[in-house]
């Protein structure tokens, strides 16, 4: 079973820290959560490149504003048709 806490970051997390989490995680994605662990969005290394680094952000900048806020979430019982 996946420990989702290991791939969670907050919007204030640095791009560098988030890239390390993505690289070390089995899903190759980070889940962005607020201080109450409420889901805010997702972030992939491609998002970081396209929305961050290619637009002039540095590795020390936060991920705020570059993560995907339009992610679809479901549970195990959700069918493909329902998605």
C-alpha atoms as a PDB file:
ATOM      1  CA  UNK A   1       0.000   0.000   0.000  1.00  0.00           C
ATOM      2  CA  UNK A   2       1.197   3.506  -0.825  1.00  0.00           C
ATOM      3  CA  UNK A   3       1.959   5.920   2.000  1.00  0.00           C
ATOM      4  CA  UNK A   4       0.480   9.069   0.486  1.00  0.00           C
ATOM      5  CA  UNK A   5       1.922  11.239   3.249  1.00  0.00           C
ATOM      6  CA  UNK A   6       5.372  10.718   1.713  1.00  0.00           C
ATOM      7  CA  UNK A   7       4.314  12.429  -1.525  1.00  0.00           C
ATOM      8  CA  UNK A   8       2.423  15.358   0.005  1.00  0.00           C
ATOM      9  CA  UNK A   9       3.763  18.907  -0.180  1.00  0.00           C
ATOM     10  CA  UNK A  10       2.359  22.330   0.649  1.00  0.00           C
ATOM     11  CA  UNK A  11       2.153  25.275  -1.777  1.00  0.00           C
ATOM     12  CA  UNK A  12       5.009  26.937   0.120  1.00  0.00           C
ATOM     13  CA  UNK A  13       7.331  23.971  -0.580  1.00  0.00           C
ATOM     14  CA  UNK A  14      10.304  24.717  -2.798  1.00  0.00           C
ATOM     15  CA  UNK A  15      10.532  23.401  -6.323  1.00  0.00           C
ATOM     16  CA  UNK A  16      13.754  21.577  -5.370  1.00  0.00           C
ATOM     17  CA  UNK A  17      12.165  19.787  -2.391  1.00  0.00           C
ATOM     18  CA  UNK A  18       9.142  18.840  -4.487  1.00  0.00           C
ATOM     19  CA  UNK A  19      11.327  17.474  -7.292  1.00  0.00           C
ATOM     20  CA  UNK A  20      13.114  15.266  -4.757  1.00  0.00           C
ATOM     21  CA  UNK A  21       9.775  13.955  -3.460  1.00  0.00           C
ATOM     22  CA  UNK A  22       8.553  13.248  -7.002  1.00  0.00           C
ATOM     23  CA  UNK A  23      11.801  11.458  -7.905  1.00  0.00           C
ATOM     24  CA  UNK A  24      11.748   9.308  -4.769  1.00  0.00           C
ATOM     25  CA  UNK A  25       8.032   8.475  -4.840  1.00  0.00           C
ATOM     26  CA  UNK A  26       6.577   5.446  -6.550  1.00  0.00           C
ATOM     27  CA  UNK A  27       3.819   7.449  -8.280  1.00  0.00           C
ATOM     28  CA  UNK A  28       6.194  10.084  -9.754  1.00  0.00           C
ATOM     29  CA  UNK A  29       3.780  12.845  -8.728  1.00  0.00           C
ATOM     30  CA  UNK A  30       3.338  15.091  -5.699  1.00  0.00           C
ATOM     31  CA  UNK A  31       0.015  15.743  -3.990  1.00  0.00           C
ATOM     32  CA  UNK A  32      -0.370  19.361  -2.912  1.00  0.00           C
ATOM     33  CA  UNK A  33      -2.218  19.790   0.388  1.00  0.00           C
ATOM     34  CA  UNK A  34      -2.897  22.678   2.766  1.00  0.00           C
ATOM     35  CA  UNK A  35      -1.915  22.822   6.447  1.00  0.00           C
ATOM     36  CA  UNK A  36      -5.009  20.739   7.298  1.00  0.00           C
ATOM     37  CA  UNK A  37      -4.017  18.080   4.730  1.00  0.00           C
ATOM     38  CA  UNK A  38      -6.914  19.040   2.441  1.00  0.00           C
ATOM     39  CA  UNK A  39      -6.166  18.188  -1.172  1.00  0.00           C
ATOM     40  CA  UNK A  40      -5.384  21.212  -3.373  1.00  0.00           C
ATOM     41  CA  UNK A  41      -3.918  19.653  -6.506  1.00  0.00           C
ATOM     42  CA  UNK A  42      -1.154  17.633  -8.141  1.00  0.00           C
ATOM     43  CA  UNK A  43       2.291  18.399  -9.465  1.00  0.00           C
ATOM     44  CA  UNK A  44       4.467  16.417 -11.859  1.00  0.00           C
ATOM     45  CA  UNK A  45       8.008  17.034 -13.048  1.00  0.00           C
ATOM     46  CA  UNK A  46       6.532  18.146 -16.370  1.00  0.00           C
ATOM     47  CA  UNK A  47       4.411  20.764 -14.596  1.00  0.00           C
ATOM     48  CA  UNK A  48       7.533  22.037 -12.853  1.00  0.00           C
ATOM     49  CA  UNK A  49       9.390  22.334 -16.160  1.00  0.00           C
ATOM     50  CA  UNK A  50       6.546  23.947 -18.126  1.00  0.00           C
ATOM     51  CA  UNK A  51       4.955  26.168 -15.471  1.00  0.00           C
ATOM     52  CA  UNK A  52       8.030  26.867 -13.358  1.00  0.00           C
ATOM     53  CA  UNK A  53      11.538  26.551 -14.725  1.00  0.00           C
ATOM     54  CA  UNK A  54      10.761  27.503 -18.327  1.00  0.00           C
ATOM     55  CA  UNK A  55       8.965  30.593 -17.022  1.00  0.00           C
ATOM     56  CA  UNK A  56      11.960  31.768 -15.024  1.00  0.00           C
ATOM     57  CA  UNK A  57      11.368  30.263 -11.577  1.00  0.00           C
ATOM     58  CA  UNK A  58      14.380  28.980  -9.635  1.00  0.00           C
ATOM     59  CA  UNK A  59      14.691  25.759  -7.657  1.00  0.00           C
ATOM     60  CA  UNK A  60      14.366  27.789  -4.440  1.00  0.00           C
ATOM     61  CA  UNK A  61      10.989  29.300  -5.445  1.00  0.00           C
ATOM     62  CA  UNK A  62       7.773  27.815  -4.077  1.00  0.00           C
ATOM     63  CA  UNK A  63       5.448  25.609  -6.098  1.00  0.00           C
ATOM     64  CA  UNK A  64       2.564  27.990  -5.427  1.00  0.00           C
ATOM     65  CA  UNK A  65       0.924  28.830  -8.731  1.00  0.00           C
ATOM     66  CA  UNK A  66       2.452  26.011 -10.772  1.00  0.00           C
ATOM     67  CA  UNK A  67       0.545  22.957  -9.550  1.00  0.00           C
ATOM     68  CA  UNK A  68      -2.578  21.568 -11.221  1.00  0.00           C
ATOM     69  CA  UNK A  69      -5.713  22.633  -9.329  1.00  0.00           C
ATOM     70  CA  UNK A  70      -8.079  20.864 -11.754  1.00  0.00           C
ATOM     71  CA  UNK A  71      -7.231  17.305 -10.728  1.00  0.00           C
ATOM     72  CA  UNK A  72      -9.999  14.718 -10.595  1.00  0.00           C
ATOM     73  CA  UNK A  73     -10.079  12.525  -7.513  1.00  0.00           C
ATOM     74  CA  UNK A  74     -11.967   9.317  -6.841  1.00  0.00           C
ATOM     75  CA  UNK A  75     -11.979   6.314  -4.577  1.00  0.00           C
ATOM     76  CA  UNK A  76     -11.462   2.651  -5.463  1.00  0.00           C
ATOM     77  CA  UNK A  77     -15.173   2.106  -6.018  1.00  0.00           C
ATOM     78  CA  UNK A  78     -15.507   4.776  -8.716  1.00  0.00           C
ATOM     79  CA  UNK A  79     -15.983   3.278 -12.161  1.00  0.00           C
ATOM     80  CA  UNK A  80     -14.419   4.594 -15.362  1.00  0.00           C
ATOM     81  CA  UNK A  81     -17.882   5.582 -16.527  1.00  0.00           C
ATOM     82  CA  UNK A  82     -18.402   7.708 -13.414  1.00  0.00           C
ATOM     83  CA  UNK A  83     -15.126   9.526 -14.005  1.00  0.00           C
END
